[in-house]
């Protein structure tokens, strides 16, 4: 029997690339997204199904999980990929914007895990792969709200591995570096504040400038597959992010801050 993976946020970017890669490896793939009628993965095959799942809607999570079990009978891997970035200075972010950021990137991940864990326990095992970011361990300007959610996912996942290990369930964290996707145009929203207009503009221009030079999502998809099939206790995988994590650990704080400030905000 083919193994089955459920992937959230599979409409585009990392999620779409991951769905394609698992399918190419012979898996049953449940590609979930808020609007499955817009799915454009270019795959029409009984092993690939497209389901509606909004991580902020528990009923849609339950319905997608139930349909997955009806179709394939099991869930071997859950990839929590759905998310977006609320950008901008903390002083300019409203409570509603902050609530929505955590509702999607943190509470949605937890609710989806809570829906799948009973199934994995009954099966006697499985793997959960949570897509975080190097931004779960390093902070950059104008991304504090987003970083808060990714740091939360890091901590939740690290603690859960102790809970899940006796159950035969593995948990993995993926920490991508910068990836060329439509995340900047479609996966990020910006808060504004008149006192921060110049640094906001500088960061936006920096992100747009480097996007075309970034690697595609395929490398992250392969790292997710590697993590999902890795039976070792390894927790973290950092596709395209190792250099930044290494520099952050190696450089004195003053030099690291100088590097980030020069790179993203210009010489100030």
C-alpha atoms as a PDB file:
ATOM      1  CA  UNK A   1       0.000   0.000   0.000  1.00  0.00           C
ATOM      2  CA  UNK A   2       1.295   3.457  -0.910  1.00  0.00           C
ATOM      3  CA  UNK A   3       1.980   5.799   1.971  1.00  0.00           C
ATOM      4  CA  UNK A   4      -0.133   8.934   2.316  1.00  0.00           C
ATOM      5  CA  UNK A   5       0.931  12.514   2.986  1.00  0.00           C
ATOM      6  CA  UNK A   6      -1.346  15.451   3.809  1.00  0.00           C
ATOM      7  CA  UNK A   7       0.078  18.859   2.920  1.00  0.00           C
ATOM      8  CA  UNK A   8      -1.454  22.181   3.957  1.00  0.00           C
ATOM      9  CA  UNK A   9      -1.002  25.309   1.864  1.00  0.00           C
ATOM     10  CA  UNK A  10      -0.351  23.280  -1.294  1.00  0.00           C
ATOM     11  CA  UNK A  11      -1.748  25.753  -3.814  1.00  0.00           C
ATOM     12  CA  UNK A  12       1.639  27.225  -4.694  1.00  0.00           C
ATOM     13  CA  UNK A  13       5.241  27.697  -3.623  1.00  0.00           C
ATOM     14  CA  UNK A  14       6.774  25.211  -1.200  1.00  0.00           C
ATOM     15  CA  UNK A  15       3.473  23.370  -0.679  1.00  0.00           C
ATOM     16  CA  UNK A  16       2.898  22.784  -4.391  1.00  0.00           C
ATOM     17  CA  UNK A  17       6.509  21.706  -4.968  1.00  0.00           C
ATOM     18  CA  UNK A  18       6.268  19.308  -2.029  1.00  0.00           C
ATOM     19  CA  UNK A  19       3.023  17.786  -3.277  1.00  0.00           C
ATOM     20  CA  UNK A  20       4.576  17.168  -6.690  1.00  0.00           C
ATOM     21  CA  UNK A  21       7.732  15.649  -5.216  1.00  0.00           C
ATOM     22  CA  UNK A  22       5.920  13.204  -2.929  1.00  0.00           C
ATOM     23  CA  UNK A  23       3.683  12.183  -5.844  1.00  0.00           C
ATOM     24  CA  UNK A  24       6.757  11.579  -7.997  1.00  0.00           C
ATOM     25  CA  UNK A  25       8.078   9.264  -5.278  1.00  0.00           C
ATOM     26  CA  UNK A  26       4.927   7.139  -5.490  1.00  0.00           C
ATOM     27  CA  UNK A  27       3.011   8.488  -2.491  1.00  0.00           C
ATOM     28  CA  UNK A  28      -0.696   9.198  -2.175  1.00  0.00           C
ATOM     29  CA  UNK A  29      -0.845  12.974  -1.864  1.00  0.00           C
ATOM     30  CA  UNK A  30      -3.603  15.047  -0.281  1.00  0.00           C
ATOM     31  CA  UNK A  31      -2.909  18.601  -1.446  1.00  0.00           C
ATOM     32  CA  UNK A  32      -5.008  20.898   0.718  1.00  0.00           C
ATOM     33  CA  UNK A  33      -5.689  24.591   0.312  1.00  0.00           C
ATOM     34  CA  UNK A  34      -8.408  27.146   0.979  1.00  0.00           C
ATOM     35  CA  UNK A  35      -9.606  27.153  -2.642  1.00  0.00           C
ATOM     36  CA  UNK A  36      -8.934  23.755  -4.267  1.00  0.00           C
ATOM     37  CA  UNK A  37     -10.804  24.782  -7.401  1.00  0.00           C
ATOM     38  CA  UNK A  38      -7.818  27.006  -8.127  1.00  0.00           C
ATOM     39  CA  UNK A  39      -5.302  24.177  -7.808  1.00  0.00           C
ATOM     40  CA  UNK A  40      -2.835  24.265 -10.662  1.00  0.00           C
ATOM     41  CA  UNK A  41      -0.336  21.504  -9.952  1.00  0.00           C
ATOM     42  CA  UNK A  42      -0.845  19.995 -13.394  1.00  0.00           C
ATOM     43  CA  UNK A  43      -1.420  16.494 -11.987  1.00  0.00           C
ATOM     44  CA  UNK A  44      -4.596  14.521 -12.605  1.00  0.00           C
ATOM     45  CA  UNK A  45      -4.062  11.141 -10.988  1.00  0.00           C
ATOM     46  CA  UNK A  46      -5.920   8.960  -8.460  1.00  0.00           C
ATOM     47  CA  UNK A  47      -2.942   9.278  -6.100  1.00  0.00           C
ATOM     48  CA  UNK A  48      -3.314  13.082  -5.971  1.00  0.00           C
ATOM     49  CA  UNK A  49      -6.436  14.640  -4.511  1.00  0.00           C
ATOM     50  CA  UNK A  50      -7.175  18.303  -3.837  1.00  0.00           C
ATOM     51  CA  UNK A  51      -9.186  19.160  -0.741  1.00  0.00           C
ATOM     52  CA  UNK A  52     -10.347  22.325   0.937  1.00  0.00           C
ATOM     53  CA  UNK A  53      -8.608  22.962   4.239  1.00  0.00           C
ATOM     54  CA  UNK A  54      -8.411  26.327   5.947  1.00  0.00           C
ATOM     55  CA  UNK A  55      -6.205  26.012   9.026  1.00  0.00           C
ATOM     56  CA  UNK A  56      -8.260  28.706  10.774  1.00  0.00           C
ATOM     57  CA  UNK A  57     -11.460  26.647  10.296  1.00  0.00           C
ATOM     58  CA  UNK A  58     -11.525  23.503  12.488  1.00  0.00           C
ATOM     59  CA  UNK A  59     -14.540  22.109  10.614  1.00  0.00           C
ATOM     60  CA  UNK A  60     -12.661  22.225   7.312  1.00  0.00           C
ATOM     61  CA  UNK A  61      -9.688  20.469   8.946  1.00  0.00           C
ATOM     62  CA  UNK A  62     -11.922  17.695  10.284  1.00  0.00           C
ATOM     63  CA  UNK A  63     -13.684  17.306   6.925  1.00  0.00           C
ATOM     64  CA  UNK A  64     -10.409  17.083   4.999  1.00  0.00           C
ATOM     65  CA  UNK A  65      -8.985  14.511   7.406  1.00  0.00           C
ATOM     66  CA  UNK A  66     -12.170  12.413   7.202  1.00  0.00           C
ATOM     67  CA  UNK A  67     -12.134  12.503   3.403  1.00  0.00           C
ATOM     68  CA  UNK A  68      -8.459  11.532   3.384  1.00  0.00           C
ATOM     69  CA  UNK A  69      -9.202   8.457   5.477  1.00  0.00           C
ATOM     70  CA  UNK A  70     -12.144   7.534   3.267  1.00  0.00           C
ATOM     71  CA  UNK A  71      -9.972   7.791   0.169  1.00  0.00           C
ATOM     72  CA  UNK A  72      -6.644   6.362   1.356  1.00  0.00           C
ATOM     73  CA  UNK A  73      -7.320   4.804   4.770  1.00  0.00           C
ATOM     74  CA  UNK A  74      -4.324   6.253   6.602  1.00  0.00           C
ATOM     75  CA  UNK A  75      -2.130   9.314   7.160  1.00  0.00           C
ATOM     76  CA  UNK A  76       1.572   8.563   7.350  1.00  0.00           C
ATOM     77  CA  UNK A  77       2.897  12.134   7.150  1.00  0.00           C
ATOM     78  CA  UNK A  78       1.423  15.557   7.861  1.00  0.00           C
ATOM     79  CA  UNK A  79       3.239  18.561   6.399  1.00  0.00           C
ATOM     80  CA  UNK A  80       2.149  21.792   8.081  1.00  0.00           C
ATOM     81  CA  UNK A  81       3.122  24.320   5.437  1.00  0.00           C
ATOM     82  CA  UNK A  82       0.221  26.806   5.268  1.00  0.00           C
ATOM     83  CA  UNK A  83       1.098  30.287   6.450  1.00  0.00           C
ATOM     84  CA  UNK A  84       1.830  33.866   5.513  1.00  0.00           C
ATOM     85  CA  UNK A  85       3.924  36.779   6.747  1.00  0.00           C
ATOM     86  CA  UNK A  86       2.538  39.836   8.469  1.00  0.00           C
ATOM     87  CA  UNK A  87       5.252  42.373   7.779  1.00  0.00           C
ATOM     88  CA  UNK A  88       5.851  45.851   9.118  1.00  0.00           C
ATOM     89  CA  UNK A  89       6.883  47.533  12.376  1.00  0.00           C
ATOM     90  CA  UNK A  90       5.274  46.272  15.559  1.00  0.00           C
ATOM     91  CA  UNK A  91       4.109  49.814  16.346  1.00  0.00           C
ATOM     92  CA  UNK A  92       2.029  49.764  13.156  1.00  0.00           C
ATOM     93  CA  UNK A  93       0.505  46.295  13.489  1.00  0.00           C
ATOM     94  CA  UNK A  94      -3.059  46.206  14.768  1.00  0.00           C
ATOM     95  CA  UNK A  95      -4.317  43.641  17.257  1.00  0.00           C
ATOM     96  CA  UNK A  96      -6.516  42.166  14.513  1.00  0.00           C
ATOM     97  CA  UNK A  97      -3.500  41.723  12.228  1.00  0.00           C
ATOM     98  CA  UNK A  98      -1.484  40.116  15.022  1.00  0.00           C
ATOM     99  CA  UNK A  99      -4.364  37.801  15.934  1.00  0.00           C
ATOM    100  CA  UNK A 100      -4.729  36.683  12.323  1.00  0.00           C
ATOM    101  CA  UNK A 101      -0.978  36.063  12.024  1.00  0.00           C
ATOM    102  CA  UNK A 102      -0.915  33.765  15.054  1.00  0.00           C
ATOM    103  CA  UNK A 103      -4.282  32.198  14.203  1.00  0.00           C
ATOM    104  CA  UNK A 104      -2.886  31.028  10.875  1.00  0.00           C
ATOM    105  CA  UNK A 105       0.777  30.306  11.565  1.00  0.00           C
ATOM    106  CA  UNK A 106       0.542  28.887  15.095  1.00  0.00           C
ATOM    107  CA  UNK A 107      -2.966  27.997  16.222  1.00  0.00           C
ATOM    108  CA  UNK A 108      -3.814  26.547  12.798  1.00  0.00           C
ATOM    109  CA  UNK A 109      -0.754  24.290  12.946  1.00  0.00           C
ATOM    110  CA  UNK A 110      -1.667  23.112  16.444  1.00  0.00           C
ATOM    111  CA  UNK A 111      -5.307  22.445  15.508  1.00  0.00           C
ATOM    112  CA  UNK A 112      -4.245  20.438  12.457  1.00  0.00           C
ATOM    113  CA  UNK A 113      -1.803  18.377  14.523  1.00  0.00           C
ATOM    114  CA  UNK A 114      -4.500  17.733  17.127  1.00  0.00           C
ATOM    115  CA  UNK A 115      -6.771  16.406  14.362  1.00  0.00           C
ATOM    116  CA  UNK A 116      -4.133  14.045  12.956  1.00  0.00           C
ATOM    117  CA  UNK A 117      -2.414  12.788  16.123  1.00  0.00           C
ATOM    118  CA  UNK A 118      -5.235  10.404  17.181  1.00  0.00           C
ATOM    119  CA  UNK A 119      -5.013   8.775  13.755  1.00  0.00           C
ATOM    120  CA  UNK A 120      -1.254   8.353  13.990  1.00  0.00           C
ATOM    121  CA  UNK A 121      -1.575   6.932  17.502  1.00  0.00           C
ATOM    122  CA  UNK A 122      -4.065   4.320  16.284  1.00  0.00           C
ATOM    123  CA  UNK A 123      -1.753   3.476  13.402  1.00  0.00           C
ATOM    124  CA  UNK A 124       1.175   3.081  15.760  1.00  0.00           C
ATOM    125  CA  UNK A 125       3.266   5.873  14.235  1.00  0.00           C
ATOM    126  CA  UNK A 126       3.708   8.626  11.700  1.00  0.00           C
ATOM    127  CA  UNK A 127       5.652  11.812  11.074  1.00  0.00           C
ATOM    128  CA  UNK A 128       4.696  15.470  11.433  1.00  0.00           C
ATOM    129  CA  UNK A 129       6.763  17.982   9.481  1.00  0.00           C
ATOM    130  CA  UNK A 130       6.331  21.611  10.550  1.00  0.00           C
ATOM    131  CA  UNK A 131       7.598  24.207   8.100  1.00  0.00           C
ATOM    132  CA  UNK A 132       9.152  27.016  10.126  1.00  0.00           C
ATOM    133  CA  UNK A 133      11.943  29.232   8.772  1.00  0.00           C
ATOM    134  CA  UNK A 134      15.434  30.409   9.581  1.00  0.00           C
ATOM    135  CA  UNK A 135      13.248  33.251  10.888  1.00  0.00           C
ATOM    136  CA  UNK A 136      12.357  30.870  13.709  1.00  0.00           C
ATOM    137  CA  UNK A 137      15.879  31.303  15.050  1.00  0.00           C
ATOM    138  CA  UNK A 138      17.067  34.640  13.590  1.00  0.00           C
ATOM    139  CA  UNK A 139      15.294  38.005  13.573  1.00  0.00           C
ATOM    140  CA  UNK A 140      15.289  40.481  10.680  1.00  0.00           C
ATOM    141  CA  UNK A 141      13.837  44.007  10.488  1.00  0.00           C
ATOM    142  CA  UNK A 142      10.146  44.582   9.784  1.00  0.00           C
ATOM    143  CA  UNK A 143       9.260  40.924  10.384  1.00  0.00           C
ATOM    144  CA  UNK A 144       8.715  40.743  14.151  1.00  0.00           C
ATOM    145  CA  UNK A 145       5.159  39.362  14.032  1.00  0.00           C
ATOM    146  CA  UNK A 146       6.117  36.668  11.523  1.00  0.00           C
ATOM    147  CA  UNK A 147       9.209  35.760  13.549  1.00  0.00           C
ATOM    148  CA  UNK A 148       7.063  35.430  16.649  1.00  0.00           C
ATOM    149  CA  UNK A 149       4.982  32.727  14.983  1.00  0.00           C
ATOM    150  CA  UNK A 150       7.967  30.821  13.643  1.00  0.00           C
ATOM    151  CA  UNK A 151       9.779  30.925  16.989  1.00  0.00           C
ATOM    152  CA  UNK A 152       6.571  29.540  18.508  1.00  0.00           C
ATOM    153  CA  UNK A 153       6.528  26.649  16.033  1.00  0.00           C
ATOM    154  CA  UNK A 154      10.159  25.879  16.868  1.00  0.00           C
ATOM    155  CA  UNK A 155       9.432  25.709  20.588  1.00  0.00           C
ATOM    156  CA  UNK A 156       6.192  23.762  20.241  1.00  0.00           C
ATOM    157  CA  UNK A 157       7.832  21.213  17.953  1.00  0.00           C
ATOM    158  CA  UNK A 158      10.912  20.783  20.133  1.00  0.00           C
ATOM    159  CA  UNK A 159       8.773  20.147  23.200  1.00  0.00           C
ATOM    160  CA  UNK A 160       6.391  17.810  21.378  1.00  0.00           C
ATOM    161  CA  UNK A 161       9.116  15.394  20.351  1.00  0.00           C
ATOM    162  CA  UNK A 162       9.332  14.279  24.003  1.00  0.00           C
ATOM    163  CA  UNK A 163       5.565  13.731  24.096  1.00  0.00           C
ATOM    164  CA  UNK A 164       5.431  11.854  20.805  1.00  0.00           C
ATOM    165  CA  UNK A 165       8.553   9.696  20.967  1.00  0.00           C
ATOM    166  CA  UNK A 166       6.936   6.998  23.184  1.00  0.00           C
ATOM    167  CA  UNK A 167       4.052   6.837  20.690  1.00  0.00           C
ATOM    168  CA  UNK A 168       6.305   6.125  17.727  1.00  0.00           C
ATOM    169  CA  UNK A 169       5.473   9.497  16.156  1.00  0.00           C
ATOM    170  CA  UNK A 170       8.332  11.639  14.871  1.00  0.00           C
ATOM    171  CA  UNK A 171       8.266  15.427  14.540  1.00  0.00           C
ATOM    172  CA  UNK A 172      10.542  17.431  12.256  1.00  0.00           C
ATOM    173  CA  UNK A 173      11.170  21.138  11.691  1.00  0.00           C
ATOM    174  CA  UNK A 174      12.039  22.585   8.278  1.00  0.00           C
ATOM    175  CA  UNK A 175      13.852  25.939   8.375  1.00  0.00           C
ATOM    176  CA  UNK A 176      14.103  27.267   4.811  1.00  0.00           C
ATOM    177  CA  UNK A 177      16.201  30.272   3.972  1.00  0.00           C
ATOM    178  CA  UNK A 178      15.106  32.673   1.245  1.00  0.00           C
ATOM    179  CA  UNK A 179      13.182  30.908  -1.531  1.00  0.00           C
ATOM    180  CA  UNK A 180      12.028  32.254  -4.891  1.00  0.00           C
ATOM    181  CA  UNK A 181       8.251  31.899  -4.785  1.00  0.00           C
ATOM    182  CA  UNK A 182       5.278  34.260  -4.973  1.00  0.00           C
ATOM    183  CA  UNK A 183       5.488  34.626  -1.177  1.00  0.00           C
ATOM    184  CA  UNK A 184       6.611  38.241  -1.368  1.00  0.00           C
ATOM    185  CA  UNK A 185       3.775  39.260  -3.686  1.00  0.00           C
ATOM    186  CA  UNK A 186       1.000  36.979  -2.368  1.00  0.00           C
ATOM    187  CA  UNK A 187       2.189  35.488   0.908  1.00  0.00           C
ATOM    188  CA  UNK A 188       2.914  38.699   2.800  1.00  0.00           C
ATOM    189  CA  UNK A 189       0.860  41.635   4.005  1.00  0.00           C
ATOM    190  CA  UNK A 190       2.289  44.917   5.230  1.00  0.00           C
ATOM    191  CA  UNK A 191       1.403  47.102   8.178  1.00  0.00           C
ATOM    192  CA  UNK A 192       2.450  50.734   7.880  1.00  0.00           C
ATOM    193  CA  UNK A 193       3.322  53.586  10.211  1.00  0.00           C
ATOM    194  CA  UNK A 194       4.413  57.096   9.200  1.00  0.00           C
ATOM    195  CA  UNK A 195       7.421  57.053  11.513  1.00  0.00           C
ATOM    196  CA  UNK A 196       8.795  53.937   9.784  1.00  0.00           C
ATOM    197  CA  UNK A 197       8.116  54.830   6.145  1.00  0.00           C
ATOM    198  CA  UNK A 198      11.787  54.860   5.104  1.00  0.00           C
ATOM    199  CA  UNK A 199      12.866  51.524   6.647  1.00  0.00           C
ATOM    200  CA  UNK A 200       9.678  49.871   5.374  1.00  0.00           C
ATOM    201  CA  UNK A 201      10.514  51.051   1.874  1.00  0.00           C
ATOM    202  CA  UNK A 202      14.121  49.880   2.168  1.00  0.00           C
ATOM    203  CA  UNK A 203      13.136  46.397   3.330  1.00  0.00           C
ATOM    204  CA  UNK A 204      10.474  46.063   0.635  1.00  0.00           C
ATOM    205  CA  UNK A 205      12.928  47.055  -2.074  1.00  0.00           C
ATOM    206  CA  UNK A 206      15.552  44.681  -0.687  1.00  0.00           C
ATOM    207  CA  UNK A 207      13.124  41.756  -0.733  1.00  0.00           C
ATOM    208  CA  UNK A 208      11.996  42.446  -4.274  1.00  0.00           C
ATOM    209  CA  UNK A 209      15.570  42.944  -5.434  1.00  0.00           C
ATOM    210  CA  UNK A 210      16.864  39.612  -4.179  1.00  0.00           C
ATOM    211  CA  UNK A 211      13.818  37.491  -5.034  1.00  0.00           C
ATOM    212  CA  UNK A 212      14.922  36.620  -8.571  1.00  0.00           C
ATOM    213  CA  UNK A 213      18.321  35.456  -7.340  1.00  0.00           C
ATOM    214  CA  UNK A 214      16.932  33.040  -4.764  1.00  0.00           C
ATOM    215  CA  UNK A 215      16.719  29.259  -5.312  1.00  0.00           C
ATOM    216  CA  UNK A 216      13.372  27.695  -6.181  1.00  0.00           C
ATOM    217  CA  UNK A 217      11.138  25.696  -3.886  1.00  0.00           C
ATOM    218  CA  UNK A 218      12.230  22.304  -5.214  1.00  0.00           C
ATOM    219  CA  UNK A 219      15.172  22.049  -2.810  1.00  0.00           C
ATOM    220  CA  UNK A 220      12.889  22.649   0.151  1.00  0.00           C
ATOM    221  CA  UNK A 221      10.454  20.017  -1.163  1.00  0.00           C
ATOM    222  CA  UNK A 222      13.283  17.485  -1.265  1.00  0.00           C
ATOM    223  CA  UNK A 223      14.329  18.436   2.279  1.00  0.00           C
ATOM    224  CA  UNK A 224      10.741  17.943   3.480  1.00  0.00           C
ATOM    225  CA  UNK A 225      10.658  14.514   1.855  1.00  0.00           C
ATOM    226  CA  UNK A 226      14.027  13.642   3.387  1.00  0.00           C
ATOM    227  CA  UNK A 227      12.785  14.692   6.836  1.00  0.00           C
ATOM    228  CA  UNK A 228       9.503  12.822   6.402  1.00  0.00           C
ATOM    229  CA  UNK A 229      11.300   9.583   5.573  1.00  0.00           C
ATOM    230  CA  UNK A 230      14.191  10.003   8.027  1.00  0.00           C
ATOM    231  CA  UNK A 231      13.718   7.604  10.924  1.00  0.00           C
ATOM    232  CA  UNK A 232      16.538   9.187  12.936  1.00  0.00           C
ATOM    233  CA  UNK A 233      15.855  11.489  15.915  1.00  0.00           C
ATOM    234  CA  UNK A 234      17.138  14.508  13.966  1.00  0.00           C
ATOM    235  CA  UNK A 235      14.805  17.469  14.538  1.00  0.00           C
ATOM    236  CA  UNK A 236      15.895  20.351  12.274  1.00  0.00           C
ATOM    237  CA  UNK A 237      16.597  20.610   8.531  1.00  0.00           C
ATOM    238  CA  UNK A 238      17.608  23.967   7.033  1.00  0.00           C
ATOM    239  CA  UNK A 239      17.481  23.920   3.216  1.00  0.00           C
ATOM    240  CA  UNK A 240      19.127  27.058   1.792  1.00  0.00           C
ATOM    241  CA  UNK A 241      19.396  28.436   5.311  1.00  0.00           C
ATOM    242  CA  UNK A 242      22.536  26.812   6.695  1.00  0.00           C
ATOM    243  CA  UNK A 243      24.816  29.720   5.778  1.00  0.00           C
ATOM    244  CA  UNK A 244      22.710  32.301   7.622  1.00  0.00           C
ATOM    245  CA  UNK A 245      22.395  30.137  10.713  1.00  0.00           C
ATOM    246  CA  UNK A 246      26.140  29.517  10.643  1.00  0.00           C
ATOM    247  CA  UNK A 247      26.965  33.212  10.282  1.00  0.00           C
ATOM    248  CA  UNK A 248      24.550  34.147  13.052  1.00  0.00           C
ATOM    249  CA  UNK A 249      26.208  31.640  15.381  1.00  0.00           C
ATOM    250  CA  UNK A 250      29.764  32.559  14.369  1.00  0.00           C
ATOM    251  CA  UNK A 251      29.751  36.344  14.250  1.00  0.00           C
ATOM    252  CA  UNK A 252      29.783  38.559  17.337  1.00  0.00           C
ATOM    253  CA  UNK A 253      26.420  40.220  17.817  1.00  0.00           C
ATOM    254  CA  UNK A 254      27.757  43.649  16.810  1.00  0.00           C
ATOM    255  CA  UNK A 255      29.047  42.350  13.470  1.00  0.00           C
ATOM    256  CA  UNK A 256      25.873  40.367  12.809  1.00  0.00           C
ATOM    257  CA  UNK A 257      23.682  43.417  13.430  1.00  0.00           C
ATOM    258  CA  UNK A 258      25.918  45.526  11.214  1.00  0.00           C
ATOM    259  CA  UNK A 259      25.638  42.976   8.411  1.00  0.00           C
ATOM    260  CA  UNK A 260      21.841  42.807   8.580  1.00  0.00           C
ATOM    261  CA  UNK A 261      21.466  46.578   8.882  1.00  0.00           C
ATOM    262  CA  UNK A 262      23.720  47.237   5.880  1.00  0.00           C
ATOM    263  CA  UNK A 263      22.095  44.518   3.803  1.00  0.00           C
ATOM    264  CA  UNK A 264      18.443  45.322   4.454  1.00  0.00           C
ATOM    265  CA  UNK A 265      18.342  48.936   5.589  1.00  0.00           C
ATOM    266  CA  UNK A 266      21.367  50.445   3.861  1.00  0.00           C
ATOM    267  CA  UNK A 267      24.241  52.173   5.607  1.00  0.00           C
ATOM    268  CA  UNK A 268      22.714  53.974   8.574  1.00  0.00           C
END
